[in-house]
Amino acid sequence: MKRYQRCFASLMVFGGGILAGASVQAQDYPVKPVTIVVGYSAGGGVDQMARILAEKLPAGLGQSVVVENKPGVASIIGASHVAKAKPDGYTLLMGAPGPIVFNHVLTAKLPYGPNDFAPIALFGDSPLMILVNASNPVKNIAELVASSKQNPSLSNYAAPSSSFQLINELFKSKTGARFTYIPYKSTTEGISAVIAGDVTMVMADVGPATTFLQSGRVKALAVTASERLKDHPTIPTLQELGVDMKASLWYGLLAPAGTPAPIIKRLNEEVVRVMAMPEVQKSLTSKSVITLTSKPDEFAKLISSEIQMWKKVAEENNIKPN
């Protein structure tokens, strides 16, 4: 009996040492540079968001923050790298719906799961614009939907990925519109196809959409945000027009699952601090990104709810995982 008591006491000391070590590690964090992994090429929207954080976080963290691009395979390479990294707060993921939500809906076998990440903070939201050719006679969403029902064989939409396809299919299910999916390599190519008359409509990120709107070659019928955009106050939201739909491309920071809660809390506080900076808000506004803040649990709930929502959309529209 005494032998078992000694063994138990030894385990308690050993376990207590591990917990104490983890606590000290979290308390001292960070003691070396932090890396933010981006699953896309340099220069894109997700990369730009990561570099804003990398520039501003060091002042609060007391360590440099570097961005590492690991593009490829629908951002699976970058996300998988972070999911398998040591959960110590030094390898983070610049998250977006593609790798964190849509991949779980559209990819049959992923090297990571929804529970392999610890959400830190949601901080940006980029809604979409519904664009048609400037010469298209439709004046609003109701006329666009009616036209598609009258001419289904001539009505189609451009989408640069399966993610955008799902968003368009949700729009169809909410409105009864009759559009055929036409794949394109990028949002810009999709907008160009609308201008050329090859497709009827495209849902585009606000940034590139704005550039083409200014050229006068396309017109925007609605935005998918919950309220009108400050830079485009004349464009109504879908909800204003009676379409019960809101969709956006959010940005958020995540760590590997198992990262100590004090580190997650520290990073969340630092991200919130950065997002409150006037120069950061101005930079995001110039990119048509809406500034947000969230607690880690709020971010986790958003991810879970979106995965379930988009799985339902995929099932209802017979979109099978690859």
C-alpha atoms as a PDB file:
ATOM      1  CA  MET A   1       0.000   0.000   0.000  1.00  0.00           C
ATOM      2  CA  LYS A   2       2.811   2.361   0.922  1.00  0.00           C
ATOM      3  CA  ARG A   3       4.483   1.628  -2.391  1.00  0.00           C
ATOM      4  CA  TYR A   4       1.338   2.717  -4.288  1.00  0.00           C
ATOM      5  CA  GLN A   5       1.116   5.827  -2.121  1.00  0.00           C
ATOM      6  CA  ARG A   6       4.713   6.711  -2.986  1.00  0.00           C
ATOM      7  CA  CYS A   7       4.033   6.130  -6.698  1.00  0.00           C
ATOM      8  CA  PHE A   8       0.912   8.295  -6.547  1.00  0.00           C
ATOM      9  CA  ALA A   9       2.838  11.021  -4.732  1.00  0.00           C
ATOM     10  CA  SER A  10       5.561  10.876  -7.386  1.00  0.00           C
ATOM     11  CA  LEU A  11       2.982  11.175 -10.160  1.00  0.00           C
ATOM     12  CA  MET A  12       1.409  14.168  -8.450  1.00  0.00           C
ATOM     13  CA  VAL A  13       4.797  15.876  -8.173  1.00  0.00           C
ATOM     14  CA  PHE A  14       5.616  15.053 -11.791  1.00  0.00           C
ATOM     15  CA  GLY A  15       2.199  16.200 -13.032  1.00  0.00           C
ATOM     16  CA  GLY A  16       2.380  19.319 -10.917  1.00  0.00           C
ATOM     17  CA  GLY A  17       5.763  20.079 -12.428  1.00  0.00           C
ATOM     18  CA  ILE A  18       4.317  19.817 -15.934  1.00  0.00           C
ATOM     19  CA  LEU A  19       1.425  22.133 -15.050  1.00  0.00           C
ATOM     20  CA  ALA A  20       3.738  24.584 -13.345  1.00  0.00           C
ATOM     21  CA  GLY A  21       6.046  24.548 -16.347  1.00  0.00           C
ATOM     22  CA  ALA A  22       3.142  25.230 -18.704  1.00  0.00           C
ATOM     23  CA  SER A  23       1.952  28.056 -16.456  1.00  0.00           C
ATOM     24  CA  VAL A  24       5.386  29.680 -16.379  1.00  0.00           C
ATOM     25  CA  GLN A  25       5.704  29.236 -20.136  1.00  0.00           C
ATOM     26  CA  ALA A  26       2.363  30.976 -20.694  1.00  0.00           C
ATOM     27  CA  GLN A  27       3.219  33.724 -18.200  1.00  0.00           C
ATOM     28  CA  ASP A  28       6.516  34.526 -19.903  1.00  0.00           C
ATOM     29  CA  TYR A  29       5.061  34.355 -23.424  1.00  0.00           C
ATOM     30  CA  PRO A  30       6.441  35.376 -25.839  1.00  0.00           C
ATOM     31  CA  VAL A  31      10.195  34.923 -25.501  1.00  0.00           C
ATOM     32  CA  LYS A  32      10.926  34.552 -29.215  1.00  0.00           C
ATOM     33  CA  PRO A  33       9.463  35.670 -32.582  1.00  0.00           C
ATOM     34  CA  VAL A  34       5.925  34.637 -33.484  1.00  0.00           C
ATOM     35  CA  THR A  35       5.053  33.345 -36.962  1.00  0.00           C
ATOM     36  CA  ILE A  36       1.719  33.923 -38.684  1.00  0.00           C
ATOM     37  CA  VAL A  37       1.196  31.370 -41.458  1.00  0.00           C
ATOM     38  CA  VAL A  38      -0.840  32.413 -44.503  1.00  0.00           C
ATOM     39  CA  GLY A  39      -2.214  29.658 -46.710  1.00  0.00           C
ATOM     40  CA  TYR A  40      -2.257  31.936 -49.742  1.00  0.00           C
ATOM     41  CA  SER A  41       0.303  33.732 -51.891  1.00  0.00           C
ATOM     42  CA  ALA A  42       1.712  37.102 -50.881  1.00  0.00           C
ATOM     43  CA  GLY A  43      -0.295  40.154 -51.884  1.00  0.00           C
ATOM     44  CA  GLY A  44      -3.814  38.750 -51.502  1.00  0.00           C
ATOM     45  CA  GLY A  45      -6.447  39.872 -49.026  1.00  0.00           C
ATOM     46  CA  VAL A  46      -5.601  37.288 -46.346  1.00  0.00           C
ATOM     47  CA  ASP A  47      -1.898  38.054 -46.675  1.00  0.00           C
ATOM     48  CA  GLN A  48      -2.552  41.787 -46.326  1.00  0.00           C
ATOM     49  CA  MET A  49      -4.483  41.221 -43.103  1.00  0.00           C
ATOM     50  CA  ALA A  50      -1.652  39.094 -41.689  1.00  0.00           C
ATOM     51  CA  ARG A  51       0.917  41.778 -42.482  1.00  0.00           C
ATOM     52  CA  ILE A  52      -1.126  44.448 -40.706  1.00  0.00           C
ATOM     53  CA  LEU A  53      -1.039  42.304 -37.570  1.00  0.00           C
ATOM     54  CA  ALA A  54       2.645  41.489 -38.065  1.00  0.00           C
ATOM     55  CA  GLU A  55       3.440  45.199 -38.159  1.00  0.00           C
ATOM     56  CA  LYS A  56       1.406  46.220 -35.109  1.00  0.00           C
ATOM     57  CA  LEU A  57       1.514  43.239 -32.723  1.00  0.00           C
ATOM     58  CA  PRO A  58       5.228  43.504 -31.779  1.00  0.00           C
ATOM     59  CA  ALA A  59       4.689  46.739 -29.830  1.00  0.00           C
ATOM     60  CA  GLY A  60       2.451  44.888 -27.375  1.00  0.00           C
ATOM     61  CA  LEU A  61       4.045  41.457 -27.466  1.00  0.00           C
ATOM     62  CA  GLY A  62       7.623  42.660 -27.187  1.00  0.00           C
ATOM     63  CA  GLN A  63       8.733  40.251 -29.915  1.00  0.00           C
ATOM     64  CA  SER A  64       8.837  40.408 -33.706  1.00  0.00           C
ATOM     65  CA  VAL A  65       6.030  38.818 -35.727  1.00  0.00           C
ATOM     66  CA  VAL A  66       6.797  37.372 -39.153  1.00  0.00           C
ATOM     67  CA  VAL A  67       4.486  36.257 -41.940  1.00  0.00           C
ATOM     68  CA  GLU A  68       5.170  32.953 -43.677  1.00  0.00           C
ATOM     69  CA  ASN A  69       3.277  32.167 -46.883  1.00  0.00           C
ATOM     70  CA  LYS A  70       2.448  28.501 -47.488  1.00  0.00           C
ATOM     71  CA  PRO A  71       0.060  28.605 -50.451  1.00  0.00           C
ATOM     72  CA  GLY A  72      -1.460  25.688 -52.296  1.00  0.00           C
ATOM     73  CA  VAL A  73      -4.254  23.105 -52.403  1.00  0.00           C
ATOM     74  CA  ALA A  74      -7.085  25.408 -51.292  1.00  0.00           C
ATOM     75  CA  SER A  75      -4.959  26.658 -48.373  1.00  0.00           C
ATOM     76  CA  ILE A  76      -4.791  23.118 -46.964  1.00  0.00           C
ATOM     77  CA  ILE A  77      -0.975  23.167 -46.839  1.00  0.00           C
ATOM     78  CA  GLY A  78      -0.807  26.219 -44.585  1.00  0.00           C
ATOM     79  CA  ALA A  79      -3.694  25.175 -42.336  1.00  0.00           C
ATOM     80  CA  SER A  80      -2.312  21.659 -41.930  1.00  0.00           C
ATOM     81  CA  HIS A  81       1.108  23.038 -41.014  1.00  0.00           C
ATOM     82  CA  VAL A  82      -0.359  25.082 -38.155  1.00  0.00           C
ATOM     83  CA  ALA A  83      -2.694  22.313 -36.991  1.00  0.00           C
ATOM     84  CA  LYS A  84       0.326  20.040 -36.508  1.00  0.00           C
ATOM     85  CA  ALA A  85       2.586  22.702 -34.977  1.00  0.00           C
ATOM     86  CA  LYS A  86       3.574  22.763 -31.317  1.00  0.00           C
ATOM     87  CA  PRO A  87       0.752  24.441 -29.350  1.00  0.00           C
ATOM     88  CA  ASP A  88       2.939  27.060 -27.716  1.00  0.00           C
ATOM     89  CA  GLY A  89       1.676  30.259 -29.347  1.00  0.00           C
ATOM     90  CA  TYR A  90       4.610  30.703 -31.711  1.00  0.00           C
ATOM     91  CA  THR A  91       2.958  29.327 -34.860  1.00  0.00           C
ATOM     92  CA  LEU A  92      -0.405  30.901 -35.715  1.00  0.00           C
ATOM     93  CA  LEU A  93      -2.760  30.777 -38.694  1.00  0.00           C
ATOM     94  CA  MET A  94      -4.235  33.745 -40.529  1.00  0.00           C
ATOM     95  CA  GLY A  95      -7.670  32.191 -40.919  1.00  0.00           C
ATOM     96  CA  ALA A  96     -10.404  32.714 -43.490  1.00  0.00           C
ATOM     97  CA  PRO A  97     -13.580  30.785 -44.372  1.00  0.00           C
ATOM     98  CA  GLY A  98     -11.799  28.821 -47.125  1.00  0.00           C
ATOM     99  CA  PRO A  99      -9.509  26.635 -44.989  1.00  0.00           C
ATOM    100  CA  ILE A 100     -11.511  26.856 -41.747  1.00  0.00           C
ATOM    101  CA  VAL A 101     -15.100  26.416 -42.972  1.00  0.00           C
ATOM    102  CA  PHE A 102     -15.497  25.581 -46.645  1.00  0.00           C
ATOM    103  CA  ASN A 103     -12.753  22.952 -46.799  1.00  0.00           C
ATOM    104  CA  HIS A 104     -14.657  20.910 -44.208  1.00  0.00           C
ATOM    105  CA  VAL A 105     -17.703  21.046 -46.467  1.00  0.00           C
ATOM    106  CA  LEU A 106     -16.089  20.571 -49.864  1.00  0.00           C
ATOM    107  CA  THR A 107     -13.109  18.284 -49.201  1.00  0.00           C
ATOM    108  CA  ALA A 108     -13.741  14.625 -48.365  1.00  0.00           C
ATOM    109  CA  LYS A 109     -10.405  13.973 -46.657  1.00  0.00           C
ATOM    110  CA  LEU A 110      -8.563  16.751 -44.868  1.00  0.00           C
ATOM    111  CA  PRO A 111      -5.315  16.375 -42.903  1.00  0.00           C
ATOM    112  CA  TYR A 112      -6.911  18.463 -40.140  1.00  0.00           C
ATOM    113  CA  GLY A 113     -10.296  18.748 -38.471  1.00  0.00           C
ATOM    114  CA  PRO A 114     -12.450  21.550 -37.010  1.00  0.00           C
ATOM    115  CA  ASN A 115     -11.158  20.781 -33.521  1.00  0.00           C
ATOM    116  CA  ASP A 116      -7.476  21.062 -34.468  1.00  0.00           C
ATOM    117  CA  PHE A 117      -7.467  24.837 -33.955  1.00  0.00           C
ATOM    118  CA  ALA A 118      -7.928  27.199 -31.030  1.00  0.00           C
ATOM    119  CA  PRO A 119      -9.680  30.373 -32.261  1.00  0.00           C
ATOM    120  CA  ILE A 120      -8.045  33.551 -30.956  1.00  0.00           C
ATOM    121  CA  ALA A 121      -9.872  36.529 -32.439  1.00  0.00           C
ATOM    122  CA  LEU A 122     -12.089  37.466 -35.331  1.00  0.00           C
ATOM    123  CA  PHE A 123     -11.154  40.943 -36.532  1.00  0.00           C
ATOM    124  CA  GLY A 124     -12.305  41.653 -40.081  1.00  0.00           C
ATOM    125  CA  ASP A 125     -15.237  41.035 -42.360  1.00  0.00           C
ATOM    126  CA  SER A 126     -15.399  41.496 -46.131  1.00  0.00           C
ATOM    127  CA  PRO A 127     -18.889  41.274 -47.674  1.00  0.00           C
ATOM    128  CA  LEU A 128     -19.590  40.646 -51.341  1.00  0.00           C
ATOM    129  CA  MET A 129     -21.256  42.662 -54.097  1.00  0.00           C
ATOM    130  CA  ILE A 130     -23.613  41.271 -56.699  1.00  0.00           C
ATOM    131  CA  LEU A 131     -22.481  42.705 -60.035  1.00  0.00           C
ATOM    132  CA  VAL A 132     -23.981  42.658 -63.512  1.00  0.00           C
ATOM    133  CA  ASN A 133     -22.936  44.275 -66.764  1.00  0.00           C
ATOM    134  CA  ALA A 134     -23.663  48.012 -66.811  1.00  0.00           C
ATOM    135  CA  SER A 135     -25.773  47.532 -69.951  1.00  0.00           C
ATOM    136  CA  ASN A 136     -27.920  44.800 -68.363  1.00  0.00           C
ATOM    137  CA  PRO A 137     -31.487  46.190 -68.260  1.00  0.00           C
ATOM    138  CA  VAL A 138     -32.261  44.737 -64.800  1.00  0.00           C
ATOM    139  CA  LYS A 139     -32.399  47.464 -62.175  1.00  0.00           C
ATOM    140  CA  ASN A 140     -32.551  45.429 -58.967  1.00  0.00           C
ATOM    141  CA  ILE A 141     -32.380  41.941 -57.456  1.00  0.00           C
ATOM    142  CA  ALA A 142     -36.056  41.228 -58.047  1.00  0.00           C
ATOM    143  CA  GLU A 143     -35.662  41.920 -61.780  1.00  0.00           C
ATOM    144  CA  LEU A 144     -32.454  39.870 -61.905  1.00  0.00           C
ATOM    145  CA  VAL A 145     -34.197  36.875 -60.349  1.00  0.00           C
ATOM    146  CA  ALA A 146     -37.240  37.279 -62.611  1.00  0.00           C
ATOM    147  CA  SER A 147     -35.020  37.465 -65.698  1.00  0.00           C
ATOM    148  CA  SER A 148     -33.232  34.243 -64.709  1.00  0.00           C
ATOM    149  CA  LYS A 149     -36.552  32.445 -64.338  1.00  0.00           C
ATOM    150  CA  GLN A 150     -37.697  33.653 -67.749  1.00  0.00           C
ATOM    151  CA  ASN A 151     -34.403  32.763 -69.440  1.00  0.00           C
ATOM    152  CA  PRO A 152     -32.725  29.990 -67.391  1.00  0.00           C
ATOM    153  CA  SER A 153     -30.673  28.695 -70.316  1.00  0.00           C
ATOM    154  CA  LEU A 154     -29.113  32.145 -70.760  1.00  0.00           C
ATOM    155  CA  SER A 155     -28.564  32.912 -67.082  1.00  0.00           C
ATOM    156  CA  ASN A 156     -25.360  31.994 -65.271  1.00  0.00           C
ATOM    157  CA  TYR A 157     -22.902  33.195 -62.658  1.00  0.00           C
ATOM    158  CA  ALA A 158     -19.124  33.264 -62.362  1.00  0.00           C
ATOM    159  CA  ALA A 159     -17.393  31.908 -59.253  1.00  0.00           C
ATOM    160  CA  PRO A 160     -13.626  31.552 -58.649  1.00  0.00           C
ATOM    161  CA  SER A 161     -13.928  28.617 -56.239  1.00  0.00           C
ATOM    162  CA  SER A 162     -16.300  26.119 -54.683  1.00  0.00           C
ATOM    163  CA  SER A 163     -16.582  28.476 -51.720  1.00  0.00           C
ATOM    164  CA  PHE A 164     -18.080  31.194 -53.897  1.00  0.00           C
ATOM    165  CA  GLN A 165     -20.206  28.547 -55.601  1.00  0.00           C
ATOM    166  CA  LEU A 166     -21.796  27.676 -52.256  1.00  0.00           C
ATOM    167  CA  ILE A 167     -22.569  31.335 -51.559  1.00  0.00           C
ATOM    168  CA  ASN A 168     -24.210  31.691 -54.977  1.00  0.00           C
ATOM    169  CA  GLU A 169     -26.199  28.497 -54.469  1.00  0.00           C
ATOM    170  CA  LEU A 170     -27.475  29.869 -51.171  1.00  0.00           C
ATOM    171  CA  PHE A 171     -28.597  32.997 -53.039  1.00  0.00           C
ATOM    172  CA  LYS A 172     -30.423  30.795 -55.549  1.00  0.00           C
ATOM    173  CA  SER A 173     -32.173  28.817 -52.830  1.00  0.00           C
ATOM    174  CA  LYS A 174     -33.237  32.009 -51.042  1.00  0.00           C
ATOM    175  CA  THR A 175     -34.619  33.672 -54.181  1.00  0.00           C
ATOM    176  CA  GLY A 176     -35.603  30.866 -56.548  1.00  0.00           C
ATOM    177  CA  ALA A 177     -33.218  32.264 -59.170  1.00  0.00           C
ATOM    178  CA  ARG A 178     -32.186  30.003 -62.063  1.00  0.00           C
ATOM    179  CA  PHE A 179     -28.463  30.400 -62.687  1.00  0.00           C
ATOM    180  CA  THR A 180     -25.843  27.938 -63.931  1.00  0.00           C
ATOM    181  CA  TYR A 181     -22.410  27.844 -62.292  1.00  0.00           C
ATOM    182  CA  ILE A 182     -19.474  28.798 -64.539  1.00  0.00           C
ATOM    183  CA  PRO A 183     -16.041  28.355 -62.868  1.00  0.00           C
ATOM    184  CA  TYR A 184     -13.291  30.950 -63.193  1.00  0.00           C
ATOM    185  CA  LYS A 185      -9.786  31.127 -61.728  1.00  0.00           C
ATOM    186  CA  SER A 186     -10.243  34.407 -59.859  1.00  0.00           C
ATOM    187  CA  THR A 187     -12.768  37.048 -58.890  1.00  0.00           C
ATOM    188  CA  THR A 188     -11.183  39.464 -61.338  1.00  0.00           C
ATOM    189  CA  GLU A 189     -11.636  36.995 -64.199  1.00  0.00           C
ATOM    190  CA  GLY A 190     -15.258  36.531 -63.145  1.00  0.00           C
ATOM    191  CA  ILE A 191     -15.909  40.284 -63.247  1.00  0.00           C
ATOM    192  CA  SER A 192     -14.208  40.478 -66.638  1.00  0.00           C
ATOM    193  CA  ALA A 193     -16.518  37.716 -67.858  1.00  0.00           C
ATOM    194  CA  VAL A 194     -19.528  39.790 -66.773  1.00  0.00           C
ATOM    195  CA  ILE A 195     -18.136  42.774 -68.673  1.00  0.00           C
ATOM    196  CA  ALA A 196     -17.548  40.621 -71.765  1.00  0.00           C
ATOM    197  CA  GLY A 197     -21.104  39.292 -71.602  1.00  0.00           C
ATOM    198  CA  ASP A 198     -19.992  35.692 -71.015  1.00  0.00           C
ATOM    199  CA  VAL A 199     -21.865  35.411 -67.721  1.00  0.00           C
ATOM    200  CA  THR A 200     -24.828  37.214 -66.207  1.00  0.00           C
ATOM    201  CA  MET A 201     -23.625  37.991 -62.709  1.00  0.00           C
ATOM    202  CA  VAL A 202     -20.813  37.569 -60.211  1.00  0.00           C
ATOM    203  CA  MET A 203     -20.531  37.903 -56.443  1.00  0.00           C
ATOM    204  CA  ALA A 204     -17.248  39.709 -55.911  1.00  0.00           C
ATOM    205  CA  ASP A 205     -15.111  40.903 -53.022  1.00  0.00           C
ATOM    206  CA  VAL A 206     -15.766  44.584 -52.418  1.00  0.00           C
ATOM    207  CA  GLY A 207     -12.139  45.563 -53.130  1.00  0.00           C
ATOM    208  CA  PRO A 208     -11.885  44.375 -56.748  1.00  0.00           C
ATOM    209  CA  ALA A 209     -15.574  45.124 -57.319  1.00  0.00           C
ATOM    210  CA  THR A 210     -15.005  48.777 -56.438  1.00  0.00           C
ATOM    211  CA  THR A 211     -12.266  49.114 -59.039  1.00  0.00           C
ATOM    212  CA  PHE A 212     -14.574  47.900 -61.797  1.00  0.00           C
ATOM    213  CA  LEU A 213     -17.516  49.945 -60.507  1.00  0.00           C
ATOM    214  CA  GLN A 214     -15.436  53.070 -60.865  1.00  0.00           C
ATOM    215  CA  SER A 215     -14.784  52.182 -64.496  1.00  0.00           C
ATOM    216  CA  GLY A 216     -18.528  52.230 -65.171  1.00  0.00           C
ATOM    217  CA  ARG A 217     -18.503  48.818 -66.874  1.00  0.00           C
ATOM    218  CA  VAL A 218     -20.495  47.039 -64.177  1.00  0.00           C
ATOM    219  CA  LYS A 219     -23.226  47.977 -61.735  1.00  0.00           C
ATOM    220  CA  ALA A 220     -23.889  46.644 -58.242  1.00  0.00           C
ATOM    221  CA  LEU A 221     -27.392  45.488 -57.370  1.00  0.00           C
ATOM    222  CA  ALA A 222     -26.793  44.572 -53.723  1.00  0.00           C
ATOM    223  CA  VAL A 223     -24.266  43.764 -51.014  1.00  0.00           C
ATOM    224  CA  THR A 224     -24.331  40.672 -48.818  1.00  0.00           C
ATOM    225  CA  ALA A 225     -23.534  42.617 -45.619  1.00  0.00           C
ATOM    226  CA  SER A 226     -25.945  43.091 -42.707  1.00  0.00           C
ATOM    227  CA  GLU A 227     -25.955  46.858 -43.314  1.00  0.00           C
ATOM    228  CA  ARG A 228     -25.031  49.241 -46.107  1.00  0.00           C
ATOM    229  CA  LEU A 229     -21.340  49.881 -46.628  1.00  0.00           C
ATOM    230  CA  LYS A 230     -20.037  53.311 -45.651  1.00  0.00           C
ATOM    231  CA  ASP A 231     -18.117  53.638 -48.916  1.00  0.00           C
ATOM    232  CA  HIS A 232     -21.131  52.526 -50.993  1.00  0.00           C
ATOM    233  CA  PRO A 233     -24.185  53.917 -49.196  1.00  0.00           C
ATOM    234  CA  THR A 234     -26.469  53.780 -52.243  1.00  0.00           C
ATOM    235  CA  ILE A 235     -26.151  50.015 -52.710  1.00  0.00           C
ATOM    236  CA  PRO A 236     -28.856  48.167 -50.731  1.00  0.00           C
ATOM    237  CA  THR A 237     -28.303  44.984 -48.739  1.00  0.00           C
ATOM    238  CA  LEU A 238     -29.994  41.750 -49.725  1.00  0.00           C
ATOM    239  CA  GLN A 239     -31.907  41.809 -46.455  1.00  0.00           C
ATOM    240  CA  GLU A 240     -33.306  45.252 -47.291  1.00  0.00           C
ATOM    241  CA  LEU A 241     -34.563  43.780 -50.538  1.00  0.00           C
ATOM    242  CA  GLY A 242     -36.369  40.944 -48.805  1.00  0.00           C
ATOM    243  CA  VAL A 243     -33.726  38.255 -49.273  1.00  0.00           C
ATOM    244  CA  ASP A 244     -32.952  36.599 -45.949  1.00  0.00           C
ATOM    245  CA  MET A 245     -29.249  36.152 -46.583  1.00  0.00           C
ATOM    246  CA  LYS A 246     -25.967  37.482 -45.263  1.00  0.00           C
ATOM    247  CA  ALA A 247     -22.563  36.223 -46.375  1.00  0.00           C
ATOM    248  CA  SER A 248     -19.016  37.473 -46.036  1.00  0.00           C
ATOM    249  CA  LEU A 249     -15.374  36.494 -46.065  1.00  0.00           C
ATOM    250  CA  TRP A 250     -14.079  36.993 -42.534  1.00  0.00           C
ATOM    251  CA  TYR A 251     -10.531  37.179 -41.237  1.00  0.00           C
ATOM    252  CA  GLY A 252      -9.379  35.763 -37.910  1.00  0.00           C
ATOM    253  CA  LEU A 253      -6.347  34.489 -36.045  1.00  0.00           C
ATOM    254  CA  LEU A 254      -6.072  30.887 -34.820  1.00  0.00           C
ATOM    255  CA  ALA A 255      -3.549  28.744 -32.963  1.00  0.00           C
ATOM    256  CA  PRO A 256      -3.061  24.964 -32.786  1.00  0.00           C
ATOM    257  CA  ALA A 257      -5.508  23.203 -30.462  1.00  0.00           C
ATOM    258  CA  GLY A 258      -4.067  22.769 -26.989  1.00  0.00           C
ATOM    259  CA  THR A 259      -2.430  26.180 -26.861  1.00  0.00           C
ATOM    260  CA  PRO A 260      -2.592  27.327 -23.199  1.00  0.00           C
ATOM    261  CA  ALA A 261      -5.585  29.526 -22.393  1.00  0.00           C
ATOM    262  CA  PRO A 262      -3.428  32.371 -20.964  1.00  0.00           C
ATOM    263  CA  ILE A 263      -1.578  32.606 -24.305  1.00  0.00           C
ATOM    264  CA  ILE A 264      -4.860  32.647 -26.237  1.00  0.00           C
ATOM    265  CA  LYS A 265      -6.151  35.382 -23.912  1.00  0.00           C
ATOM    266  CA  ARG A 266      -2.978  37.438 -24.324  1.00  0.00           C
ATOM    267  CA  LEU A 267      -3.105  37.196 -28.108  1.00  0.00           C
ATOM    268  CA  ASN A 268      -6.803  38.063 -28.161  1.00  0.00           C
ATOM    269  CA  GLU A 269      -6.154  41.201 -26.118  1.00  0.00           C
ATOM    270  CA  GLU A 270      -3.319  42.235 -28.414  1.00  0.00           C
ATOM    271  CA  VAL A 271      -5.410  41.740 -31.569  1.00  0.00           C
ATOM    272  CA  VAL A 272      -8.239  43.805 -30.057  1.00  0.00           C
ATOM    273  CA  ARG A 273      -5.686  46.513 -29.204  1.00  0.00           C
ATOM    274  CA  VAL A 274      -4.387  46.575 -32.773  1.00  0.00           C
ATOM    275  CA  MET A 275      -7.880  46.707 -34.283  1.00  0.00           C
ATOM    276  CA  ALA A 276      -8.698  49.783 -32.176  1.00  0.00           C
ATOM    277  CA  MET A 277      -5.835  51.777 -33.720  1.00  0.00           C
ATOM    278  CA  PRO A 278      -7.162  54.591 -35.978  1.00  0.00           C
ATOM    279  CA  GLU A 279      -4.501  53.892 -38.619  1.00  0.00           C
ATOM    280  CA  VAL A 280      -5.463  50.217 -38.727  1.00  0.00           C
ATOM    281  CA  GLN A 281      -9.154  51.026 -39.045  1.00  0.00           C
ATOM    282  CA  LYS A 282      -8.340  53.463 -41.854  1.00  0.00           C
ATOM    283  CA  SER A 283      -6.262  50.806 -43.626  1.00  0.00           C
ATOM    284  CA  LEU A 284      -9.032  48.217 -43.351  1.00  0.00           C
ATOM    285  CA  THR A 285     -11.641  50.698 -44.549  1.00  0.00           C
ATOM    286  CA  SER A 286      -9.514  51.449 -47.622  1.00  0.00           C
ATOM    287  CA  LYS A 287      -9.636  47.717 -48.374  1.00  0.00           C
ATOM    288  CA  SER A 288     -13.421  47.624 -47.811  1.00  0.00           C
ATOM    289  CA  VAL A 289     -12.963  45.431 -44.734  1.00  0.00           C
ATOM    290  CA  ILE A 290     -15.282  45.965 -41.776  1.00  0.00           C
ATOM    291  CA  THR A 291     -13.421  46.002 -38.442  1.00  0.00           C
ATOM    292  CA  LEU A 292     -14.638  43.456 -35.893  1.00  0.00           C
ATOM    293  CA  THR A 293     -13.593  42.159 -32.492  1.00  0.00           C
ATOM    294  CA  SER A 294     -14.521  38.939 -30.735  1.00  0.00           C
ATOM    295  CA  LYS A 295     -13.734  36.718 -27.797  1.00  0.00           C
ATOM    296  CA  PRO A 296     -12.199  33.311 -28.585  1.00  0.00           C
ATOM    297  CA  ASP A 297     -15.421  31.470 -27.714  1.00  0.00           C
ATOM    298  CA  GLU A 298     -17.464  33.776 -29.954  1.00  0.00           C
ATOM    299  CA  PHE A 299     -15.122  33.057 -32.837  1.00  0.00           C
ATOM    300  CA  ALA A 300     -15.391  29.305 -32.150  1.00  0.00           C
ATOM    301  CA  LYS A 301     -19.202  29.481 -32.233  1.00  0.00           C
ATOM    302  CA  LEU A 302     -19.108  31.329 -35.560  1.00  0.00           C
ATOM    303  CA  ILE A 303     -16.890  28.641 -37.128  1.00  0.00           C
ATOM    304  CA  SER A 304     -19.083  25.809 -35.855  1.00  0.00           C
ATOM    305  CA  SER A 305     -22.326  27.435 -37.008  1.00  0.00           C
ATOM    306  CA  GLU A 306     -20.934  28.269 -40.459  1.00  0.00           C
ATOM    307  CA  ILE A 307     -19.679  24.723 -41.059  1.00  0.00           C
ATOM    308  CA  GLN A 308     -23.145  23.363 -40.271  1.00  0.00           C
ATOM    309  CA  MET A 309     -24.887  26.016 -42.378  1.00  0.00           C
ATOM    310  CA  TRP A 310     -22.754  25.470 -45.474  1.00  0.00           C
ATOM    311  CA  LYS A 311     -22.967  21.673 -45.152  1.00  0.00           C
ATOM    312  CA  LYS A 312     -26.719  22.048 -45.341  1.00  0.00           C
ATOM    313  CA  VAL A 313     -26.445  24.311 -48.404  1.00  0.00           C
ATOM    314  CA  ALA A 314     -24.159  21.769 -50.110  1.00  0.00           C
ATOM    315  CA  GLU A 315     -26.521  18.882 -49.354  1.00  0.00           C
ATOM    316  CA  GLU A 316     -29.590  20.781 -50.555  1.00  0.00           C
ATOM    317  CA  ASN A 317     -27.839  21.634 -53.831  1.00  0.00           C
ATOM    318  CA  ASN A 318     -26.240  18.211 -54.320  1.00  0.00           C
ATOM    319  CA  ILE A 319     -22.708  19.602 -54.101  1.00  0.00           C
ATOM    320  CA  LYS A 320     -20.490  16.632 -53.219  1.00  0.00           C
ATOM    321  CA  PRO A 321     -17.119  16.837 -51.418  1.00  0.00           C
ATOM    322  CA  ASN A 322     -14.121  16.252 -53.671  1.00  0.00           C
END
